[in-house]
Amino acid sequence: MQQISRMLMKLFQRARLEKPGQVDPRAVEFTLSLLFAMYDRSGTGYVKTRSAAAALISLSGDTLLAKYRALFQIYAFPDGKETFITRSALRTLLTDLNQIPAIVGEGCTLSCLEIAIHDCFHGVLNAAIVEEKFLSWLRSEPAALLWLPTCYRLSVTEMVSHQARCR
């Protein structure tokens, strides 16, 4: 908990410098509470750093492609010149990401996650896939992660400003 708290303090300090007045003073407390509600339901006081990072990446204001690449990097493993993600690592990633909608009662079932893994590895003979295959699969908007591009689109529309006047 202390390690994640320190990480969040640094993150939000940087955000305050970049966007003065736009970061709630309790942002660290709220984010820490959310992360532990999602990933520490038994109250152990422990959350995997990778799970917390996946949640922060997913909920960030970055582009979808940047989020997808970052998620691949933290769950994949290097093997020579290439980096791969295995079925097991993808299962862990999907399980971690599923905790985000699950916190509001909208999580995906285990069978839904297995279908997503099967779809991602459809036609793949190897035990792992490269980033491009992973990104291609995510661009198809798998049902298990449909909330991610939807939330992104909603956040982007908040920034749209039309110069039209309505009656």
N, C-alpha and C. Protein backbone atom coordinates (compact mmCIF):
# COMPACT_ATOMS: atom_id res chain seq x y z
N MET A 1 0.83 -1.19 0.00
CA MET A 1 0.00 0.00 0.00
C MET A 1 0.87 1.25 0.00
N GLN A 2 1.93 1.23 0.77
CA GLN A 2 2.81 2.40 0.87
C GLN A 2 3.51 2.68 -0.46
N GLN A 3 3.93 1.62 -1.13
CA GLN A 3 4.63 1.78 -2.40
C GLN A 3 3.69 2.40 -3.44
N ILE A 4 2.48 1.92 -3.53
CA ILE A 4 1.51 2.45 -4.49
C ILE A 4 1.13 3.88 -4.10
N SER A 5 0.99 4.14 -2.82
CA SER A 5 0.67 5.49 -2.34
C SER A 5 1.76 6.47 -2.75
N ARG A 6 3.02 6.10 -2.56
CA ARG A 6 4.14 6.97 -2.97
C ARG A 6 4.12 7.21 -4.48
N MET A 7 3.85 6.16 -5.24
CA MET A 7 3.80 6.27 -6.69
C MET A 7 2.68 7.24 -7.10
N LEU A 8 1.52 7.12 -6.46
CA LEU A 8 0.39 8.00 -6.78
C LEU A 8 0.69 9.44 -6.39
N MET A 9 1.38 9.65 -5.26
CA MET A 9 1.74 11.01 -4.85
C MET A 9 2.61 11.67 -5.91
N LYS A 10 3.60 10.95 -6.41
CA LYS A 10 4.47 11.49 -7.46
C LYS A 10 3.67 11.77 -8.73
N LEU A 11 2.81 10.85 -9.08
CA LEU A 11 1.98 10.98 -10.29
C LEU A 11 1.10 12.23 -10.21
N PHE A 12 0.40 12.39 -9.10
CA PHE A 12 -0.51 13.53 -8.97
C PHE A 12 0.22 14.84 -8.74
N GLN A 13 1.43 14.81 -8.15
CA GLN A 13 2.23 16.03 -8.02
C GLN A 13 2.59 16.55 -9.41
N ARG A 14 3.00 15.62 -10.28
CA ARG A 14 3.33 15.98 -11.65
C ARG A 14 2.09 16.53 -12.37
N ALA A 15 0.95 15.88 -12.15
CA ALA A 15 -0.29 16.32 -12.78
C ALA A 15 -0.67 17.72 -12.31
N ARG A 16 -0.46 18.02 -11.04
CA ARG A 16 -0.78 19.35 -10.49
C ARG A 16 0.08 20.43 -11.14
N LEU A 17 1.35 20.08 -11.43
CA LEU A 17 2.24 21.04 -12.08
C LEU A 17 1.80 21.30 -13.52
N GLU A 18 1.37 20.23 -14.20
CA GLU A 18 0.95 20.36 -15.59
C GLU A 18 -0.42 21.02 -15.73
N LYS A 19 -1.30 20.76 -14.77
CA LYS A 19 -2.67 21.29 -14.84
C LYS A 19 -3.06 21.87 -13.48
N PRO A 20 -2.52 23.03 -13.15
CA PRO A 20 -2.80 23.63 -11.83
C PRO A 20 -4.31 23.84 -11.62
N GLY A 21 -4.74 23.49 -10.41
CA GLY A 21 -6.13 23.68 -10.05
C GLY A 21 -7.09 22.62 -10.57
N GLN A 22 -6.60 21.66 -11.33
CA GLN A 22 -7.48 20.65 -11.91
C GLN A 22 -7.37 19.28 -11.23
N VAL A 23 -6.49 19.16 -10.26
CA VAL A 23 -6.31 17.89 -9.57
C VAL A 23 -6.84 18.02 -8.15
N ASP A 24 -7.80 17.20 -7.82
CA ASP A 24 -8.40 17.21 -6.48
C ASP A 24 -7.31 16.92 -5.45
N PRO A 25 -7.28 17.68 -4.34
CA PRO A 25 -6.27 17.42 -3.30
C PRO A 25 -6.35 16.01 -2.72
N ARG A 26 -7.51 15.37 -2.83
CA ARG A 26 -7.68 14.02 -2.30
C ARG A 26 -7.53 12.94 -3.38
N ALA A 27 -6.95 13.30 -4.53
CA ALA A 27 -6.83 12.37 -5.66
C ALA A 27 -6.07 11.10 -5.27
N VAL A 28 -5.00 11.25 -4.50
CA VAL A 28 -4.23 10.07 -4.08
C VAL A 28 -5.10 9.16 -3.23
N GLU A 29 -5.76 9.74 -2.27
CA GLU A 29 -6.62 8.97 -1.36
C GLU A 29 -7.73 8.25 -2.13
N PHE A 30 -8.40 8.96 -3.04
CA PHE A 30 -9.50 8.37 -3.80
C PHE A 30 -9.00 7.25 -4.72
N THR A 31 -7.89 7.50 -5.40
CA THR A 31 -7.35 6.51 -6.34
C THR A 31 -6.86 5.27 -5.58
N LEU A 32 -6.20 5.48 -4.48
CA LEU A 32 -5.73 4.36 -3.66
C LEU A 32 -6.91 3.54 -3.17
N SER A 33 -7.95 4.20 -2.74
CA SER A 33 -9.16 3.52 -2.28
C SER A 33 -9.78 2.70 -3.40
N LEU A 34 -9.85 3.27 -4.59
CA LEU A 34 -10.41 2.55 -5.74
C LEU A 34 -9.57 1.33 -6.09
N LEU A 35 -8.26 1.50 -6.13
CA LEU A 35 -7.37 0.38 -6.48
C LEU A 35 -7.50 -0.77 -5.47
N PHE A 36 -7.57 -0.42 -4.20
CA PHE A 36 -7.69 -1.48 -3.19
C PHE A 36 -9.08 -2.10 -3.18
N ALA A 37 -10.09 -1.33 -3.53
CA ALA A 37 -11.43 -1.90 -3.64
C ALA A 37 -11.49 -2.89 -4.80
N MET A 38 -10.76 -2.61 -5.87
CA MET A 38 -10.78 -3.49 -7.04
C MET A 38 -9.89 -4.71 -6.86
N TYR A 39 -8.71 -4.53 -6.28
CA TYR A 39 -7.70 -5.59 -6.29
C TYR A 39 -7.37 -6.20 -4.94
N ASP A 40 -8.00 -5.74 -3.87
CA ASP A 40 -7.73 -6.30 -2.55
C ASP A 40 -9.05 -6.49 -1.80
N ARG A 41 -9.90 -7.28 -2.37
CA ARG A 41 -11.23 -7.47 -1.78
C ARG A 41 -11.18 -8.22 -0.45
N SER A 42 -10.12 -8.97 -0.20
CA SER A 42 -10.02 -9.70 1.06
C SER A 42 -9.35 -8.87 2.16
N GLY A 43 -8.90 -7.66 1.82
CA GLY A 43 -8.34 -6.76 2.83
C GLY A 43 -6.96 -7.10 3.33
N THR A 44 -6.11 -7.66 2.47
CA THR A 44 -4.76 -8.02 2.87
C THR A 44 -3.81 -6.83 2.96
N GLY A 45 -4.21 -5.72 2.30
CA GLY A 45 -3.32 -4.57 2.26
C GLY A 45 -2.29 -4.67 1.15
N TYR A 46 -2.51 -5.60 0.24
CA TYR A 46 -1.55 -5.86 -0.83
C TYR A 46 -2.26 -5.83 -2.19
N VAL A 47 -1.70 -5.09 -3.12
CA VAL A 47 -2.17 -5.05 -4.50
C VAL A 47 -0.94 -5.21 -5.39
N LYS A 48 -1.05 -6.04 -6.40
CA LYS A 48 0.08 -6.21 -7.33
C LYS A 48 0.29 -4.91 -8.08
N THR A 49 1.54 -4.49 -8.16
CA THR A 49 1.88 -3.25 -8.84
C THR A 49 1.42 -3.28 -10.29
N ARG A 50 1.56 -4.43 -10.93
CA ARG A 50 1.16 -4.57 -12.33
C ARG A 50 -0.35 -4.36 -12.49
N SER A 51 -1.13 -4.88 -11.56
CA SER A 51 -2.58 -4.69 -11.61
C SER A 51 -2.94 -3.22 -11.45
N ALA A 52 -2.29 -2.56 -10.49
CA ALA A 52 -2.53 -1.13 -10.28
C ALA A 52 -2.13 -0.33 -11.52
N ALA A 53 -0.99 -0.68 -12.11
CA ALA A 53 -0.53 0.01 -13.32
C ALA A 53 -1.52 -0.19 -14.46
N ALA A 54 -2.05 -1.40 -14.61
CA ALA A 54 -3.03 -1.67 -15.67
C ALA A 54 -4.28 -0.81 -15.48
N ALA A 55 -4.73 -0.68 -14.26
CA ALA A 55 -5.91 0.15 -13.98
C ALA A 55 -5.63 1.61 -14.29
N LEU A 56 -4.48 2.10 -13.85
CA LEU A 56 -4.14 3.50 -14.09
C LEU A 56 -3.97 3.79 -15.58
N ILE A 57 -3.37 2.87 -16.30
CA ILE A 57 -3.24 3.02 -17.75
C ILE A 57 -4.62 3.05 -18.40
N SER A 58 -5.47 2.13 -18.01
CA SER A 58 -6.80 2.03 -18.60
C SER A 58 -7.65 3.26 -18.33
N LEU A 59 -7.49 3.84 -17.16
CA LEU A 59 -8.30 4.99 -16.77
C LEU A 59 -7.64 6.33 -17.11
N SER A 60 -6.47 6.27 -17.73
CA SER A 60 -5.76 7.50 -18.07
C SER A 60 -6.43 8.19 -19.26
N GLY A 61 -6.00 9.40 -19.52
CA GLY A 61 -6.55 10.16 -20.64
C GLY A 61 -5.79 9.96 -21.93
N ASP A 62 -4.91 8.98 -21.98
CA ASP A 62 -4.11 8.73 -23.17
C ASP A 62 -4.96 8.14 -24.29
N THR A 63 -4.40 8.06 -25.48
CA THR A 63 -5.12 7.47 -26.61
C THR A 63 -5.27 5.98 -26.41
N LEU A 64 -6.23 5.40 -27.10
CA LEU A 64 -6.43 3.95 -27.00
C LEU A 64 -5.18 3.18 -27.41
N LEU A 65 -4.57 3.57 -28.51
CA LEU A 65 -3.39 2.86 -28.99
C LEU A 65 -2.27 2.91 -27.96
N ALA A 66 -2.06 4.07 -27.35
CA ALA A 66 -1.02 4.20 -26.32
C ALA A 66 -1.34 3.31 -25.13
N LYS A 67 -2.62 3.26 -24.74
CA LYS A 67 -3.02 2.39 -23.64
C LYS A 67 -2.76 0.93 -23.98
N TYR A 68 -3.17 0.53 -25.18
CA TYR A 68 -2.99 -0.87 -25.60
C TYR A 68 -1.52 -1.26 -25.62
N ARG A 69 -0.68 -0.38 -26.15
CA ARG A 69 0.76 -0.67 -26.20
C ARG A 69 1.35 -0.79 -24.79
N ALA A 70 0.95 0.11 -23.91
CA ALA A 70 1.45 0.09 -22.53
C ALA A 70 1.00 -1.18 -21.82
N LEU A 71 -0.24 -1.58 -22.01
CA LEU A 71 -0.73 -2.82 -21.39
C LEU A 71 0.05 -4.02 -21.90
N PHE A 72 0.32 -4.04 -23.20
CA PHE A 72 1.11 -5.13 -23.76
C PHE A 72 2.48 -5.18 -23.09
N GLN A 73 3.11 -4.02 -22.97
CA GLN A 73 4.47 -3.98 -22.41
C GLN A 73 4.54 -4.48 -20.97
N ILE A 74 3.54 -4.21 -20.16
CA ILE A 74 3.65 -4.64 -18.76
C ILE A 74 3.25 -6.10 -18.54
N TYR A 75 2.55 -6.71 -19.51
CA TYR A 75 2.16 -8.11 -19.35
C TYR A 75 2.95 -9.05 -20.25
N ALA A 76 3.67 -8.52 -21.20
CA ALA A 76 4.42 -9.35 -22.15
C ALA A 76 5.82 -9.66 -21.60
N PHE A 77 6.50 -10.55 -22.28
CA PHE A 77 7.87 -10.89 -21.89
C PHE A 77 8.76 -10.85 -23.12
N PRO A 78 9.99 -10.35 -22.96
CA PRO A 78 10.92 -10.31 -24.09
C PRO A 78 11.51 -11.70 -24.35
N ASP A 79 11.70 -11.99 -25.62
CA ASP A 79 12.32 -13.26 -26.01
C ASP A 79 13.19 -12.98 -27.23
N GLY A 80 14.43 -12.65 -26.97
CA GLY A 80 15.32 -12.28 -28.06
C GLY A 80 14.98 -10.89 -28.56
N LYS A 81 14.76 -10.79 -29.87
CA LYS A 81 14.45 -9.49 -30.48
C LYS A 81 12.98 -9.11 -30.36
N GLU A 82 12.12 -10.06 -30.07
CA GLU A 82 10.68 -9.83 -30.01
C GLU A 82 10.17 -9.85 -28.57
N THR A 83 9.00 -9.28 -28.40
CA THR A 83 8.30 -9.34 -27.12
C THR A 83 6.97 -10.02 -27.37
N PHE A 84 6.59 -10.94 -26.50
CA PHE A 84 5.39 -11.75 -26.69
C PHE A 84 4.48 -11.69 -25.47
N ILE A 85 3.22 -12.00 -25.71
CA ILE A 85 2.28 -12.19 -24.60
C ILE A 85 1.70 -13.60 -24.75
N THR A 86 1.70 -14.33 -23.66
CA THR A 86 1.19 -15.70 -23.67
C THR A 86 -0.29 -15.70 -23.31
N ARG A 87 -0.91 -16.87 -23.48
CA ARG A 87 -2.32 -17.01 -23.08
C ARG A 87 -2.48 -16.74 -21.59
N SER A 88 -1.55 -17.25 -20.82
CA SER A 88 -1.60 -17.06 -19.37
C SER A 88 -1.49 -15.58 -18.99
N ALA A 89 -0.57 -14.88 -19.64
CA ALA A 89 -0.39 -13.45 -19.37
C ALA A 89 -1.62 -12.67 -19.82
N LEU A 90 -2.20 -13.05 -20.96
CA LEU A 90 -3.42 -12.39 -21.44
C LEU A 90 -4.57 -12.64 -20.46
N ARG A 91 -4.66 -13.86 -19.93
CA ARG A 91 -5.70 -14.18 -18.94
C ARG A 91 -5.54 -13.28 -17.71
N THR A 92 -4.31 -13.10 -17.25
CA THR A 92 -4.04 -12.24 -16.10
C THR A 92 -4.40 -10.80 -16.41
N LEU A 93 -4.03 -10.33 -17.60
CA LEU A 93 -4.37 -8.97 -18.01
C LEU A 93 -5.88 -8.77 -18.04
N LEU A 94 -6.59 -9.68 -18.68
CA LEU A 94 -8.05 -9.56 -18.78
C LEU A 94 -8.71 -9.63 -17.40
N THR A 95 -8.20 -10.50 -16.55
CA THR A 95 -8.74 -10.61 -15.19
C THR A 95 -8.51 -9.30 -14.43
N ASP A 96 -7.32 -8.74 -14.56
CA ASP A 96 -7.02 -7.47 -13.89
C ASP A 96 -7.92 -6.35 -14.43
N LEU A 97 -8.05 -6.26 -15.74
CA LEU A 97 -8.87 -5.21 -16.33
C LEU A 97 -10.35 -5.40 -16.02
N ASN A 98 -10.77 -6.64 -15.88
CA ASN A 98 -12.17 -6.93 -15.58
C ASN A 98 -12.59 -6.41 -14.21
N GLN A 99 -11.63 -6.16 -13.34
CA GLN A 99 -11.95 -5.64 -12.01
C GLN A 99 -12.47 -4.21 -12.07
N ILE A 100 -12.15 -3.50 -13.14
CA ILE A 100 -12.59 -2.10 -13.26
C ILE A 100 -14.10 -2.03 -13.45
N PRO A 101 -14.69 -2.69 -14.46
CA PRO A 101 -16.15 -2.65 -14.55
C PRO A 101 -16.82 -3.46 -13.44
N ALA A 102 -16.12 -4.45 -12.90
CA ALA A 102 -16.71 -5.28 -11.84
C ALA A 102 -16.99 -4.47 -10.58
N ILE A 103 -16.21 -3.42 -10.35
CA ILE A 103 -16.40 -2.61 -9.15
C ILE A 103 -17.76 -1.91 -9.16
N VAL A 104 -18.33 -1.74 -10.36
CA VAL A 104 -19.67 -1.15 -10.46
C VAL A 104 -20.70 -2.18 -10.92
N GLY A 105 -20.36 -3.46 -10.72
CA GLY A 105 -21.30 -4.54 -11.01
C GLY A 105 -21.46 -4.88 -12.48
N GLU A 106 -20.48 -4.52 -13.30
CA GLU A 106 -20.59 -4.77 -14.74
C GLU A 106 -19.49 -5.68 -15.27
N GLY A 107 -18.88 -6.47 -14.44
CA GLY A 107 -17.78 -7.32 -14.87
C GLY A 107 -18.21 -8.43 -15.81
N CYS A 108 -17.25 -8.96 -16.48
CA CYS A 108 -17.42 -10.06 -17.44
C CYS A 108 -17.27 -11.39 -16.70
N THR A 109 -17.92 -12.42 -17.18
CA THR A 109 -17.80 -13.74 -16.56
C THR A 109 -16.49 -14.40 -16.97
N LEU A 110 -16.13 -15.45 -16.26
CA LEU A 110 -14.92 -16.19 -16.58
C LEU A 110 -14.99 -16.77 -17.98
N SER A 111 -16.15 -17.26 -18.38
CA SER A 111 -16.30 -17.83 -19.73
C SER A 111 -16.13 -16.74 -20.79
N CYS A 112 -16.57 -15.54 -20.49
CA CYS A 112 -16.40 -14.40 -21.41
C CYS A 112 -14.91 -14.13 -21.62
N LEU A 113 -14.14 -14.18 -20.53
CA LEU A 113 -12.70 -13.97 -20.63
C LEU A 113 -12.04 -15.07 -21.45
N GLU A 114 -12.47 -16.31 -21.24
CA GLU A 114 -11.90 -17.43 -21.99
C GLU A 114 -12.21 -17.32 -23.48
N ILE A 115 -13.41 -16.85 -23.81
CA ILE A 115 -13.77 -16.64 -25.21
C ILE A 115 -12.87 -15.57 -25.82
N ALA A 116 -12.61 -14.52 -25.07
CA ALA A 116 -11.74 -13.44 -25.54
C ALA A 116 -10.33 -13.97 -25.81
N ILE A 117 -9.82 -14.79 -24.91
CA ILE A 117 -8.48 -15.37 -25.09
C ILE A 117 -8.46 -16.26 -26.32
N HIS A 118 -9.48 -17.08 -26.47
CA HIS A 118 -9.59 -17.96 -27.64
C HIS A 118 -9.62 -17.13 -28.93
N ASP A 119 -10.39 -16.06 -28.94
CA ASP A 119 -10.48 -15.20 -30.12
C ASP A 119 -9.14 -14.54 -30.44
N CYS A 120 -8.45 -14.10 -29.41
CA CYS A 120 -7.16 -13.45 -29.62
C CYS A 120 -6.14 -14.41 -30.23
N PHE A 121 -6.18 -15.65 -29.79
CA PHE A 121 -5.21 -16.64 -30.26
C PHE A 121 -5.74 -17.49 -31.42
N HIS A 122 -6.89 -17.10 -31.98
CA HIS A 122 -7.47 -17.85 -33.09
C HIS A 122 -6.49 -17.89 -34.26
N GLY A 123 -6.21 -19.09 -34.72
CA GLY A 123 -5.30 -19.27 -35.85
C GLY A 123 -3.83 -19.17 -35.50
N VAL A 124 -3.52 -19.02 -34.23
CA VAL A 124 -2.13 -18.90 -33.80
C VAL A 124 -1.63 -20.26 -33.37
N LEU A 125 -0.52 -20.69 -33.94
CA LEU A 125 0.03 -21.99 -33.59
C LEU A 125 1.05 -21.90 -32.45
N ASN A 126 1.60 -20.72 -32.25
CA ASN A 126 2.60 -20.54 -31.20
C ASN A 126 1.93 -20.38 -29.83
N ALA A 127 2.75 -20.45 -28.79
CA ALA A 127 2.25 -20.31 -27.42
C ALA A 127 2.06 -18.85 -27.03
N ALA A 128 2.55 -17.95 -27.87
CA ALA A 128 2.48 -16.52 -27.55
C ALA A 128 2.29 -15.72 -28.84
N ILE A 129 1.86 -14.47 -28.67
CA ILE A 129 1.66 -13.59 -29.82
C ILE A 129 2.49 -12.33 -29.67
N VAL A 130 2.78 -11.71 -30.81
CA VAL A 130 3.54 -10.45 -30.81
C VAL A 130 2.58 -9.28 -30.63
N GLU A 131 3.15 -8.12 -30.42
CA GLU A 131 2.36 -6.93 -30.13
C GLU A 131 1.37 -6.61 -31.26
N GLU A 132 1.79 -6.74 -32.51
CA GLU A 132 0.90 -6.38 -33.62
C GLU A 132 -0.36 -7.23 -33.65
N LYS A 133 -0.24 -8.52 -33.37
CA LYS A 133 -1.41 -9.40 -33.31
C LYS A 133 -2.31 -8.98 -32.13
N PHE A 134 -1.70 -8.68 -31.01
CA PHE A 134 -2.42 -8.22 -29.83
C PHE A 134 -3.20 -6.94 -30.13
N LEU A 135 -2.53 -5.97 -30.77
CA LEU A 135 -3.17 -4.70 -31.09
C LEU A 135 -4.30 -4.90 -32.10
N SER A 136 -4.08 -5.76 -33.06
CA SER A 136 -5.11 -6.06 -34.06
C SER A 136 -6.35 -6.64 -33.39
N TRP A 137 -6.15 -7.54 -32.46
CA TRP A 137 -7.26 -8.13 -31.72
C TRP A 137 -8.00 -7.07 -30.91
N LEU A 138 -7.26 -6.19 -30.23
CA LEU A 138 -7.90 -5.14 -29.43
C LEU A 138 -8.69 -4.16 -30.30
N ARG A 139 -8.19 -3.89 -31.51
CA ARG A 139 -8.91 -2.99 -32.42
C ARG A 139 -10.25 -3.58 -32.86
N SER A 140 -10.40 -4.90 -32.76
CA SER A 140 -11.67 -5.53 -33.10
C SER A 140 -12.70 -5.37 -31.98
N GLU A 141 -12.30 -4.73 -30.90
CA GLU A 141 -13.13 -4.44 -29.74
C GLU A 141 -13.81 -5.69 -29.17
N PRO A 142 -12.99 -6.57 -28.57
CA PRO A 142 -13.55 -7.78 -27.96
C PRO A 142 -14.55 -7.43 -26.86
N ALA A 143 -15.60 -8.23 -26.74
CA ALA A 143 -16.68 -7.96 -25.79
C ALA A 143 -16.17 -7.80 -24.35
N ALA A 144 -15.16 -8.57 -23.98
CA ALA A 144 -14.64 -8.52 -22.61
C ALA A 144 -14.04 -7.16 -22.27
N LEU A 145 -13.62 -6.42 -23.30
CA LEU A 145 -13.00 -5.11 -23.08
C LEU A 145 -13.74 -3.97 -23.76
N LEU A 146 -14.96 -4.19 -24.12
CA LEU A 146 -15.72 -3.16 -24.83
C LEU A 146 -15.85 -1.88 -24.03
N TRP A 147 -15.83 -1.98 -22.72
CA TRP A 147 -15.93 -0.80 -21.87
C TRP A 147 -14.76 0.16 -22.08
N LEU A 148 -13.58 -0.37 -22.43
CA LEU A 148 -12.39 0.47 -22.54
C LEU A 148 -12.49 1.47 -23.70
N PRO A 149 -12.77 1.04 -24.94
CA PRO A 149 -12.93 2.05 -26.00
C PRO A 149 -14.17 2.93 -25.80
N THR A 150 -15.19 2.38 -25.16
CA THR A 150 -16.40 3.17 -24.90
C THR A 150 -16.08 4.32 -23.94
N CYS A 151 -15.38 4.02 -22.86
CA CYS A 151 -14.98 5.07 -21.90
C CYS A 151 -14.06 6.09 -22.57
N TYR A 152 -13.18 5.60 -23.42
CA TYR A 152 -12.28 6.51 -24.13
C TYR A 152 -13.08 7.47 -25.01
N ARG A 153 -14.02 6.94 -25.75
CA ARG A 153 -14.83 7.79 -26.63
C ARG A 153 -15.64 8.81 -25.83
N LEU A 154 -16.16 8.37 -24.70
CA LEU A 154 -16.91 9.30 -23.84
C LEU A 154 -16.01 10.42 -23.34
N SER A 155 -14.80 10.09 -22.93
CA SER A 155 -13.90 11.11 -22.42
C SER A 155 -13.47 12.07 -23.52
N VAL A 156 -13.30 11.57 -24.73
CA VAL A 156 -12.92 12.43 -25.85
C VAL A 156 -14.05 13.40 -26.18
N THR A 157 -15.29 12.93 -26.11
CA THR A 157 -16.41 13.82 -26.45
C THR A 157 -16.60 14.93 -25.42
N GLU A 158 -16.10 14.73 -24.22
CA GLU A 158 -16.19 15.79 -23.21
C GLU A 158 -15.38 17.02 -23.61
N MET A 159 -14.38 16.81 -24.44
CA MET A 159 -13.50 17.91 -24.86
C MET A 159 -14.00 18.60 -26.12
N VAL A 160 -15.03 18.08 -26.75
CA VAL A 160 -15.54 18.66 -27.99
C VAL A 160 -16.30 19.94 -27.68
N SER A 161 -16.02 20.95 -28.45
CA SER A 161 -16.71 22.22 -28.29
C SER A 161 -17.25 22.64 -29.66
N HIS A 162 -18.54 22.90 -29.70
CA HIS A 162 -19.19 23.35 -30.94
C HIS A 162 -19.50 24.83 -30.82
N GLN A 163 -19.25 25.55 -31.88
CA GLN A 163 -19.49 26.99 -31.89
C GLN A 163 -20.91 27.32 -32.40
N ALA A 164 -21.84 26.45 -32.15
CA ALA A 164 -23.23 26.66 -32.58
C ALA A 164 -24.07 27.18 -31.42
N ARG A 165 -25.05 27.97 -31.75
CA ARG A 165 -25.94 28.47 -30.73
C ARG A 165 -27.27 27.74 -30.85
N CYS A 166 -27.83 27.33 -29.74
CA CYS A 166 -29.10 26.61 -29.73
C CYS A 166 -30.18 27.52 -29.14
N ARG A 167 -31.39 27.27 -29.56
CA ARG A 167 -32.53 28.02 -28.99
C ARG A 167 -33.14 27.23 -27.87
